[in-house]
Amino acid sequence: KLSDQLNLTGTLKANENVDITSVVSEKIKYIKFKEGSFVKKNQILVELENNEEKALLKQVEAELDEAKLNFIRAMKLVEEGNASQAMLDKRLKEKRKYEGQYEEVIAKINDRIIKTPFDGMISTKNFSVGSFVKPGDVITSLYDIQKIKVDLYIPEIYSQKIKNNQTFK
C-alpha cells in the first residue's frame, strides 16, 4: 500500500466572524458578556447610556396619548355632525406624527443595545464600563466556530490528487 504524505501549514478560520461595534457615540453602561464565552443569537452584549432617550420617550408617549384622545374626540364630533372632516384629518395627522416620533425614539433606544447577530464565541473586550465608544470602534469580536474553514497552500504537483470531501489528518 502506497500513500503520499504531505506536511502543510495552514490557517484555521471561523465560519463567520464579525466585529461588534456601536452605531452611535455614547458611554458604555453595562457589559454583559465574559471574554471567551459562547453566546446565543440576539443575546445582549453591551448596553450604552440611554437616559436622555428614555426621558424623550416619556415625553413622546404623553404627546402620543394626547393625540390619540384628540383623534377619538374628533371622530365622535364628526359622527355627531359637530366638527368638520378637516379637523378630523388634522387630528389624524398629529397622531401619525407622534407615532412616527415614538418609533424614532424606540429605534434610538434599540441602537444603544448591542446584540449578537449569530451564535458564537466572544473574543476579548476592548473597552470597559464607562468608556466612550464611537461608531466603528470595535468593542469585541464574535466568531462562529461550529464549522471552521482551513486555508492551505498546496504545491501544484499535488493539486490533481486533491478531491472534494477528501479526509485528511
N, C-alpha and C. Protein backbone atom coordinates (compact mmCIF):
# COMPACT_ATOMS: atom_id res chain seq x y z
N LYS A 1 0.85 -1.17 0.00
CA LYS A 1 0.00 0.00 0.00
C LYS A 1 0.90 1.23 0.00
N LEU A 2 0.66 2.07 -0.97
CA LEU A 2 1.44 3.30 -1.08
C LEU A 2 0.56 4.48 -0.76
N SER A 3 1.13 5.47 -0.14
CA SER A 3 0.38 6.70 0.11
C SER A 3 1.33 7.88 0.06
N ASP A 4 0.75 9.01 -0.30
CA ASP A 4 1.53 10.25 -0.30
C ASP A 4 1.33 10.93 1.05
N GLN A 5 2.40 11.44 1.58
CA GLN A 5 2.29 12.20 2.81
C GLN A 5 2.82 13.60 2.51
N LEU A 6 2.05 14.57 2.86
CA LEU A 6 2.41 15.95 2.60
C LEU A 6 2.15 16.74 3.87
N ASN A 7 3.19 17.34 4.41
CA ASN A 7 3.02 18.17 5.61
C ASN A 7 2.87 19.62 5.17
N LEU A 8 1.77 20.21 5.60
CA LEU A 8 1.47 21.59 5.22
C LEU A 8 1.15 22.42 6.46
N THR A 9 1.40 23.67 6.37
CA THR A 9 0.92 24.57 7.42
C THR A 9 -0.26 25.33 6.85
N GLY A 10 -1.20 25.62 7.71
CA GLY A 10 -2.40 26.31 7.25
C GLY A 10 -2.95 27.19 8.34
N THR A 11 -4.05 27.77 8.04
CA THR A 11 -4.72 28.67 8.98
C THR A 11 -6.15 28.21 9.16
N LEU A 12 -6.58 28.09 10.41
CA LEU A 12 -7.96 27.77 10.72
C LEU A 12 -8.72 29.09 10.86
N LYS A 13 -9.87 29.16 10.23
CA LYS A 13 -10.69 30.37 10.30
C LYS A 13 -12.09 30.00 10.73
N ALA A 14 -12.72 30.93 11.45
CA ALA A 14 -14.12 30.75 11.84
C ALA A 14 -15.00 30.77 10.59
N ASN A 15 -16.10 30.04 10.65
CA ASN A 15 -17.04 30.03 9.53
C ASN A 15 -17.55 31.44 9.25
N GLU A 16 -17.89 32.17 10.30
CA GLU A 16 -18.33 33.56 10.22
C GLU A 16 -17.65 34.32 11.34
N ASN A 17 -17.33 35.55 11.11
CA ASN A 17 -16.86 36.40 12.19
C ASN A 17 -17.26 37.84 11.93
N VAL A 18 -17.48 38.57 13.01
CA VAL A 18 -17.93 39.95 12.90
C VAL A 18 -17.34 40.75 14.04
N ASP A 19 -16.98 41.99 13.74
CA ASP A 19 -16.55 42.92 14.77
C ASP A 19 -17.81 43.58 15.33
N ILE A 20 -17.96 43.54 16.64
CA ILE A 20 -19.11 44.15 17.30
C ILE A 20 -18.78 45.62 17.56
N THR A 21 -19.58 46.49 16.95
CA THR A 21 -19.37 47.92 17.07
C THR A 21 -20.68 48.60 17.43
N SER A 22 -20.58 49.88 17.73
CA SER A 22 -21.75 50.70 18.01
C SER A 22 -22.09 51.53 16.78
N VAL A 23 -23.35 51.90 16.65
CA VAL A 23 -23.74 52.79 15.56
C VAL A 23 -23.92 54.22 16.06
N VAL A 24 -23.73 54.42 17.38
CA VAL A 24 -23.85 55.75 17.97
C VAL A 24 -22.64 56.02 18.86
N SER A 25 -22.41 57.29 19.15
CA SER A 25 -21.37 57.69 20.09
C SER A 25 -22.00 57.81 21.48
N GLU A 26 -21.52 57.01 22.42
CA GLU A 26 -22.10 57.01 23.76
C GLU A 26 -21.19 56.27 24.74
N LYS A 27 -21.45 56.46 26.04
CA LYS A 27 -20.71 55.76 27.08
C LYS A 27 -21.30 54.38 27.32
N ILE A 28 -20.43 53.44 27.65
CA ILE A 28 -20.88 52.07 27.95
C ILE A 28 -21.46 52.04 29.37
N LYS A 29 -22.69 51.56 29.46
CA LYS A 29 -23.39 51.45 30.75
C LYS A 29 -23.15 50.07 31.37
N TYR A 30 -23.33 49.02 30.58
CA TYR A 30 -23.15 47.63 31.04
C TYR A 30 -22.44 46.82 29.97
N ILE A 31 -21.61 45.88 30.42
CA ILE A 31 -21.05 44.86 29.54
C ILE A 31 -21.57 43.54 30.06
N LYS A 32 -22.29 42.80 29.23
CA LYS A 32 -23.00 41.60 29.68
C LYS A 32 -22.44 40.32 29.07
N PHE A 33 -21.14 40.27 28.86
CA PHE A 33 -20.54 39.05 28.35
C PHE A 33 -19.21 38.81 29.03
N LYS A 34 -18.79 37.56 29.02
CA LYS A 34 -17.47 37.20 29.53
C LYS A 34 -16.60 36.83 28.34
N GLU A 35 -15.38 37.30 28.37
CA GLU A 35 -14.45 37.01 27.28
C GLU A 35 -14.27 35.50 27.14
N GLY A 36 -14.28 35.03 25.89
CA GLY A 36 -14.09 33.61 25.62
C GLY A 36 -15.32 32.76 25.81
N SER A 37 -16.46 33.36 26.14
CA SER A 37 -17.68 32.58 26.37
C SER A 37 -18.47 32.41 25.07
N PHE A 38 -19.35 31.43 25.10
CA PHE A 38 -20.25 31.21 23.97
C PHE A 38 -21.53 31.99 24.22
N VAL A 39 -22.05 32.61 23.17
CA VAL A 39 -23.26 33.41 23.27
C VAL A 39 -24.26 32.96 22.21
N LYS A 40 -25.52 33.23 22.49
CA LYS A 40 -26.60 32.88 21.57
C LYS A 40 -26.99 34.08 20.71
N LYS A 41 -27.60 33.82 19.58
CA LYS A 41 -28.09 34.87 18.69
C LYS A 41 -29.05 35.79 19.45
N ASN A 42 -28.93 37.09 19.23
CA ASN A 42 -29.76 38.14 19.84
C ASN A 42 -29.53 38.32 21.34
N GLN A 43 -28.47 37.74 21.88
CA GLN A 43 -28.12 37.95 23.28
C GLN A 43 -27.55 39.36 23.42
N ILE A 44 -27.93 40.06 24.48
CA ILE A 44 -27.42 41.41 24.71
C ILE A 44 -25.97 41.32 25.18
N LEU A 45 -25.09 42.02 24.47
CA LEU A 45 -23.68 42.06 24.82
C LEU A 45 -23.33 43.33 25.60
N VAL A 46 -23.81 44.46 25.10
CA VAL A 46 -23.44 45.75 25.67
C VAL A 46 -24.66 46.66 25.66
N GLU A 47 -24.81 47.41 26.75
CA GLU A 47 -25.82 48.46 26.79
C GLU A 47 -25.11 49.79 26.96
N LEU A 48 -25.50 50.74 26.13
CA LEU A 48 -24.94 52.08 26.21
C LEU A 48 -25.89 52.98 27.01
N GLU A 49 -25.39 54.10 27.51
CA GLU A 49 -26.22 55.05 28.25
C GLU A 49 -27.42 55.46 27.39
N ASN A 50 -28.60 55.52 28.00
CA ASN A 50 -29.81 55.87 27.25
C ASN A 50 -30.78 56.71 28.08
N ASN A 51 -30.30 57.39 29.11
CA ASN A 51 -31.18 58.18 29.98
C ASN A 51 -31.91 59.28 29.21
N GLU A 52 -31.19 59.96 28.32
CA GLU A 52 -31.80 61.04 27.54
C GLU A 52 -32.92 60.50 26.65
N GLU A 53 -32.67 59.37 26.02
CA GLU A 53 -33.67 58.77 25.13
C GLU A 53 -34.89 58.29 25.92
N LYS A 54 -34.67 57.75 27.13
CA LYS A 54 -35.81 57.30 27.95
C LYS A 54 -36.66 58.48 28.39
N ALA A 55 -36.03 59.61 28.72
CA ALA A 55 -36.79 60.81 29.08
C ALA A 55 -37.58 61.31 27.89
N LEU A 56 -36.94 61.30 26.71
CA LEU A 56 -37.62 61.73 25.49
C LEU A 56 -38.80 60.80 25.18
N LEU A 57 -38.62 59.50 25.44
CA LEU A 57 -39.69 58.53 25.21
C LEU A 57 -40.91 58.86 26.06
N LYS A 58 -40.70 59.21 27.34
CA LYS A 58 -41.84 59.58 28.20
C LYS A 58 -42.58 60.78 27.64
N GLN A 59 -41.83 61.75 27.16
CA GLN A 59 -42.44 62.95 26.59
C GLN A 59 -43.25 62.61 25.34
N VAL A 60 -42.67 61.82 24.46
CA VAL A 60 -43.36 61.46 23.21
C VAL A 60 -44.57 60.58 23.51
N GLU A 61 -44.47 59.68 24.49
CA GLU A 61 -45.62 58.85 24.86
C GLU A 61 -46.77 59.71 25.35
N ALA A 62 -46.47 60.73 26.14
CA ALA A 62 -47.52 61.63 26.63
C ALA A 62 -48.17 62.38 25.46
N GLU A 63 -47.34 62.88 24.55
CA GLU A 63 -47.87 63.58 23.37
C GLU A 63 -48.71 62.65 22.51
N LEU A 64 -48.25 61.41 22.34
CA LEU A 64 -48.99 60.44 21.53
C LEU A 64 -50.32 60.09 22.18
N ASP A 65 -50.33 59.90 23.51
CA ASP A 65 -51.58 59.61 24.21
C ASP A 65 -52.59 60.74 24.02
N GLU A 66 -52.10 61.99 24.13
CA GLU A 66 -52.99 63.13 23.95
C GLU A 66 -53.51 63.20 22.50
N ALA A 67 -52.63 62.93 21.55
CA ALA A 67 -53.04 62.96 20.14
C ALA A 67 -54.08 61.88 19.84
N LYS A 68 -53.93 60.71 20.45
CA LYS A 68 -54.92 59.64 20.26
C LYS A 68 -56.28 60.04 20.82
N LEU A 69 -56.25 60.63 22.04
CA LEU A 69 -57.51 61.08 22.64
C LEU A 69 -58.17 62.16 21.79
N ASN A 70 -57.38 63.12 21.31
CA ASN A 70 -57.93 64.18 20.47
C ASN A 70 -58.52 63.62 19.18
N PHE A 71 -57.88 62.60 18.63
CA PHE A 71 -58.39 61.97 17.41
C PHE A 71 -59.73 61.28 17.68
N ILE A 72 -59.80 60.56 18.79
CA ILE A 72 -61.05 59.86 19.15
C ILE A 72 -62.17 60.87 19.38
N ARG A 73 -61.85 61.96 20.09
CA ARG A 73 -62.86 63.01 20.33
C ARG A 73 -63.33 63.62 19.01
N ALA A 74 -62.38 63.88 18.11
CA ALA A 74 -62.73 64.48 16.82
C ALA A 74 -63.61 63.52 16.00
N MET A 75 -63.32 62.21 16.07
CA MET A 75 -64.15 61.23 15.36
C MET A 75 -65.59 61.28 15.86
N LYS A 76 -65.77 61.35 17.18
CA LYS A 76 -67.11 61.40 17.76
C LYS A 76 -67.84 62.67 17.33
N LEU A 77 -67.09 63.79 17.33
CA LEU A 77 -67.70 65.06 16.93
C LEU A 77 -68.11 65.04 15.46
N VAL A 78 -67.29 64.44 14.61
CA VAL A 78 -67.62 64.35 13.19
C VAL A 78 -68.84 63.45 13.00
N GLU A 79 -68.92 62.35 13.73
CA GLU A 79 -70.07 61.44 13.63
C GLU A 79 -71.36 62.14 14.05
N GLU A 80 -71.25 63.04 15.05
CA GLU A 80 -72.42 63.77 15.53
C GLU A 80 -72.74 64.98 14.66
N GLY A 81 -71.85 65.30 13.74
CA GLY A 81 -72.05 66.45 12.87
C GLY A 81 -71.63 67.77 13.49
N ASN A 82 -70.83 67.73 14.55
CA ASN A 82 -70.42 68.94 15.26
C ASN A 82 -68.99 69.38 14.92
N ALA A 83 -68.34 68.69 14.00
CA ALA A 83 -66.97 69.07 13.60
C ALA A 83 -66.78 68.71 12.14
N SER A 84 -65.80 69.35 11.53
CA SER A 84 -65.54 69.13 10.11
C SER A 84 -64.58 67.97 9.88
N GLN A 85 -64.61 67.47 8.67
CA GLN A 85 -63.68 66.41 8.27
C GLN A 85 -62.25 66.95 8.30
N ALA A 86 -62.08 68.22 8.01
CA ALA A 86 -60.75 68.83 8.03
C ALA A 86 -60.14 68.76 9.43
N MET A 87 -60.97 68.98 10.46
CA MET A 87 -60.47 68.89 11.84
C MET A 87 -60.05 67.45 12.17
N LEU A 88 -60.84 66.49 11.72
CA LEU A 88 -60.50 65.08 11.95
C LEU A 88 -59.19 64.73 11.24
N ASP A 89 -59.05 65.21 10.00
CA ASP A 89 -57.82 64.96 9.26
C ASP A 89 -56.60 65.56 9.97
N LYS A 90 -56.78 66.74 10.55
CA LYS A 90 -55.69 67.39 11.28
C LYS A 90 -55.31 66.57 12.51
N ARG A 91 -56.30 66.07 13.22
CA ARG A 91 -56.04 65.23 14.41
C ARG A 91 -55.35 63.91 14.02
N LEU A 92 -55.76 63.37 12.89
CA LEU A 92 -55.12 62.14 12.40
C LEU A 92 -53.67 62.41 12.06
N LYS A 93 -53.41 63.53 11.43
CA LYS A 93 -52.04 63.90 11.07
C LYS A 93 -51.17 64.05 12.32
N GLU A 94 -51.70 64.69 13.36
CA GLU A 94 -50.97 64.85 14.61
C GLU A 94 -50.66 63.50 15.24
N LYS A 95 -51.67 62.63 15.23
CA LYS A 95 -51.49 61.29 15.81
C LYS A 95 -50.39 60.53 15.07
N ARG A 96 -50.41 60.56 13.76
CA ARG A 96 -49.40 59.86 12.96
C ARG A 96 -48.01 60.46 13.18
N LYS A 97 -47.94 61.78 13.33
CA LYS A 97 -46.66 62.45 13.59
C LYS A 97 -46.05 61.93 14.88
N TYR A 98 -46.86 61.86 15.94
CA TYR A 98 -46.35 61.39 17.23
C TYR A 98 -46.06 59.89 17.21
N GLU A 99 -46.79 59.13 16.42
CA GLU A 99 -46.46 57.70 16.26
C GLU A 99 -45.09 57.55 15.62
N GLY A 100 -44.82 58.38 14.63
CA GLY A 100 -43.50 58.36 13.99
C GLY A 100 -42.40 58.75 14.94
N GLN A 101 -42.63 59.78 15.76
CA GLN A 101 -41.64 60.20 16.74
C GLN A 101 -41.40 59.10 17.78
N TYR A 102 -42.48 58.42 18.16
CA TYR A 102 -42.37 57.31 19.11
C TYR A 102 -41.47 56.22 18.54
N GLU A 103 -41.72 55.83 17.29
CA GLU A 103 -40.92 54.80 16.65
C GLU A 103 -39.45 55.23 16.52
N GLU A 104 -39.23 56.51 16.26
CA GLU A 104 -37.87 57.04 16.15
C GLU A 104 -37.13 56.93 17.48
N VAL A 105 -37.79 57.28 18.59
CA VAL A 105 -37.15 57.20 19.91
C VAL A 105 -36.89 55.75 20.28
N ILE A 106 -37.82 54.87 19.97
CA ILE A 106 -37.61 53.43 20.24
C ILE A 106 -36.40 52.93 19.46
N ALA A 107 -36.25 53.36 18.22
CA ALA A 107 -35.09 52.96 17.41
C ALA A 107 -33.80 53.48 18.03
N LYS A 108 -33.82 54.70 18.55
CA LYS A 108 -32.62 55.26 19.20
C LYS A 108 -32.26 54.47 20.45
N ILE A 109 -33.27 54.06 21.20
CA ILE A 109 -33.02 53.24 22.40
C ILE A 109 -32.44 51.90 21.98
N ASN A 110 -33.01 51.29 20.94
CA ASN A 110 -32.51 49.99 20.47
C ASN A 110 -31.10 50.07 19.92
N ASP A 111 -30.72 51.24 19.35
CA ASP A 111 -29.35 51.42 18.87
C ASP A 111 -28.34 51.39 20.01
N ARG A 112 -28.81 51.58 21.23
CA ARG A 112 -27.93 51.60 22.39
C ARG A 112 -27.89 50.26 23.10
N ILE A 113 -28.51 49.26 22.49
CA ILE A 113 -28.46 47.88 22.99
C ILE A 113 -27.82 47.05 21.88
N ILE A 114 -26.63 46.55 22.15
CA ILE A 114 -25.87 45.82 21.13
C ILE A 114 -26.03 44.33 21.38
N LYS A 115 -26.57 43.63 20.36
CA LYS A 115 -26.86 42.20 20.46
C LYS A 115 -26.02 41.41 19.47
N THR A 116 -25.96 40.11 19.70
CA THR A 116 -25.21 39.24 18.80
C THR A 116 -26.02 38.91 17.55
N PRO A 117 -25.38 38.93 16.38
CA PRO A 117 -26.09 38.60 15.15
C PRO A 117 -26.23 37.09 14.91
N PHE A 118 -25.41 36.29 15.59
CA PHE A 118 -25.48 34.83 15.45
C PHE A 118 -24.85 34.17 16.67
N ASP A 119 -25.07 32.85 16.82
CA ASP A 119 -24.42 32.10 17.90
C ASP A 119 -22.92 32.09 17.66
N GLY A 120 -22.15 32.14 18.73
CA GLY A 120 -20.71 32.08 18.54
C GLY A 120 -19.93 32.29 19.82
N MET A 121 -18.63 32.44 19.64
CA MET A 121 -17.72 32.65 20.76
C MET A 121 -17.24 34.11 20.74
N ILE A 122 -17.26 34.72 21.91
CA ILE A 122 -16.85 36.12 22.07
C ILE A 122 -15.35 36.19 22.30
N SER A 123 -14.74 37.18 21.69
CA SER A 123 -13.31 37.43 21.85
C SER A 123 -13.09 38.31 23.09
N THR A 124 -11.96 38.95 23.16
CA THR A 124 -11.66 39.84 24.28
C THR A 124 -12.39 41.16 24.10
N LYS A 125 -12.65 41.82 25.21
CA LYS A 125 -13.30 43.14 25.14
C LYS A 125 -12.21 44.21 25.04
N ASN A 126 -12.51 45.21 24.22
CA ASN A 126 -11.55 46.29 24.01
C ASN A 126 -11.88 47.54 24.80
N PHE A 127 -13.02 47.54 25.50
CA PHE A 127 -13.46 48.69 26.28
C PHE A 127 -14.01 48.20 27.61
N SER A 128 -14.10 49.10 28.56
CA SER A 128 -14.68 48.79 29.87
C SER A 128 -15.91 49.65 30.11
N VAL A 129 -16.65 49.32 31.17
CA VAL A 129 -17.81 50.12 31.55
C VAL A 129 -17.34 51.56 31.79
N GLY A 130 -18.09 52.51 31.25
CA GLY A 130 -17.73 53.92 31.40
C GLY A 130 -16.93 54.47 30.24
N SER A 131 -16.42 53.58 29.39
CA SER A 131 -15.68 54.04 28.21
C SER A 131 -16.63 54.67 27.21
N PHE A 132 -16.12 55.64 26.48
CA PHE A 132 -16.89 56.30 25.43
C PHE A 132 -16.55 55.63 24.11
N VAL A 133 -17.57 55.12 23.41
CA VAL A 133 -17.35 54.48 22.11
C VAL A 133 -17.98 55.30 21.01
N LYS A 134 -17.37 55.22 19.85
CA LYS A 134 -17.86 55.92 18.66
C LYS A 134 -18.22 54.87 17.61
N PRO A 135 -19.03 55.25 16.62
CA PRO A 135 -19.32 54.30 15.55
C PRO A 135 -18.02 53.79 14.91
N GLY A 136 -17.94 52.50 14.76
CA GLY A 136 -16.75 51.89 14.16
C GLY A 136 -15.75 51.38 15.18
N ASP A 137 -15.84 51.82 16.44
CA ASP A 137 -14.95 51.29 17.47
C ASP A 137 -15.31 49.83 17.71
N VAL A 138 -14.32 48.95 17.63
CA VAL A 138 -14.57 47.52 17.82
C VAL A 138 -14.60 47.23 19.32
N ILE A 139 -15.77 46.90 19.83
CA ILE A 139 -15.93 46.60 21.25
C ILE A 139 -15.41 45.20 21.54
N THR A 140 -15.74 44.26 20.67
CA THR A 140 -15.26 42.88 20.75
C THR A 140 -15.49 42.24 19.39
N SER A 141 -15.14 41.00 19.25
CA SER A 141 -15.40 40.26 18.01
C SER A 141 -16.15 38.98 18.35
N LEU A 142 -16.93 38.51 17.39
CA LEU A 142 -17.74 37.30 17.56
C LEU A 142 -17.37 36.32 16.46
N TYR A 143 -17.15 35.06 16.85
CA TYR A 143 -16.73 34.03 15.90
C TYR A 143 -17.68 32.84 15.95
N ASP A 144 -18.15 32.41 14.77
CA ASP A 144 -18.95 31.19 14.66
C ASP A 144 -17.97 30.06 14.37
N ILE A 145 -17.74 29.22 15.38
CA ILE A 145 -16.78 28.13 15.20
C ILE A 145 -17.44 26.76 15.21
N GLN A 146 -18.77 26.72 14.95
CA GLN A 146 -19.44 25.43 14.82
C GLN A 146 -18.86 24.68 13.63
N LYS A 147 -18.53 25.44 12.58
CA LYS A 147 -17.80 24.91 11.43
C LYS A 147 -16.58 25.81 11.29
N ILE A 148 -15.50 25.24 10.83
CA ILE A 148 -14.32 26.06 10.60
C ILE A 148 -13.83 25.88 9.17
N LYS A 149 -13.09 26.86 8.70
CA LYS A 149 -12.51 26.82 7.37
C LYS A 149 -11.00 26.66 7.53
N VAL A 150 -10.41 25.94 6.59
CA VAL A 150 -8.96 25.73 6.62
C VAL A 150 -8.37 26.33 5.35
N ASP A 151 -7.42 27.24 5.53
CA ASP A 151 -6.68 27.81 4.41
C ASP A 151 -5.36 27.06 4.30
N LEU A 152 -5.17 26.37 3.17
CA LEU A 152 -3.92 25.64 2.93
C LEU A 152 -3.36 26.03 1.57
N TYR A 153 -2.07 26.06 1.48
CA TYR A 153 -1.41 26.29 0.20
C TYR A 153 -0.73 24.98 -0.17
N ILE A 154 -1.23 24.38 -1.25
CA ILE A 154 -0.76 23.06 -1.67
C ILE A 154 0.08 23.23 -2.93
N PRO A 155 1.25 22.59 -2.98
CA PRO A 155 2.06 22.66 -4.20
C PRO A 155 1.27 22.16 -5.41
N GLU A 156 1.52 22.76 -6.53
CA GLU A 156 0.77 22.47 -7.76
C GLU A 156 0.83 21.00 -8.16
N ILE A 157 1.93 20.35 -7.90
CA ILE A 157 2.06 18.95 -8.32
C ILE A 157 1.06 18.03 -7.59
N TYR A 158 0.53 18.48 -6.45
CA TYR A 158 -0.45 17.69 -5.70
C TYR A 158 -1.89 18.10 -5.99
N SER A 159 -2.09 19.14 -6.77
CA SER A 159 -3.44 19.68 -6.98
C SER A 159 -4.39 18.67 -7.64
N GLN A 160 -3.87 17.78 -8.48
CA GLN A 160 -4.71 16.78 -9.14
C GLN A 160 -5.13 15.67 -8.18
N LYS A 161 -4.43 15.52 -7.07
CA LYS A 161 -4.73 14.45 -6.12
C LYS A 161 -5.72 14.88 -5.04
N ILE A 162 -6.05 16.16 -5.00
CA ILE A 162 -6.98 16.67 -4.01
C ILE A 162 -8.39 16.64 -4.59
N LYS A 163 -9.34 16.09 -3.83
CA LYS A 163 -10.72 15.96 -4.29
C LYS A 163 -11.67 16.52 -3.23
N ASN A 164 -12.88 16.86 -3.67
CA ASN A 164 -13.90 17.32 -2.73
C ASN A 164 -14.21 16.23 -1.72
N ASN A 165 -14.47 16.63 -0.51
CA ASN A 165 -14.85 15.74 0.61
C ASN A 165 -13.75 14.73 0.96
N GLN A 166 -12.53 15.00 0.59
CA GLN A 166 -11.43 14.11 0.94
C GLN A 166 -11.05 14.35 2.39
N THR A 167 -10.78 13.26 3.11
CA THR A 167 -10.40 13.41 4.52
C THR A 167 -8.89 13.61 4.62
N PHE A 168 -8.51 14.28 5.68
CA PHE A 168 -7.09 14.49 5.94
C PHE A 168 -6.87 14.57 7.43
N LYS A 169 -5.63 14.39 7.83
CA LYS A 169 -5.26 14.46 9.25
C LYS A 169 -4.29 15.61 9.45
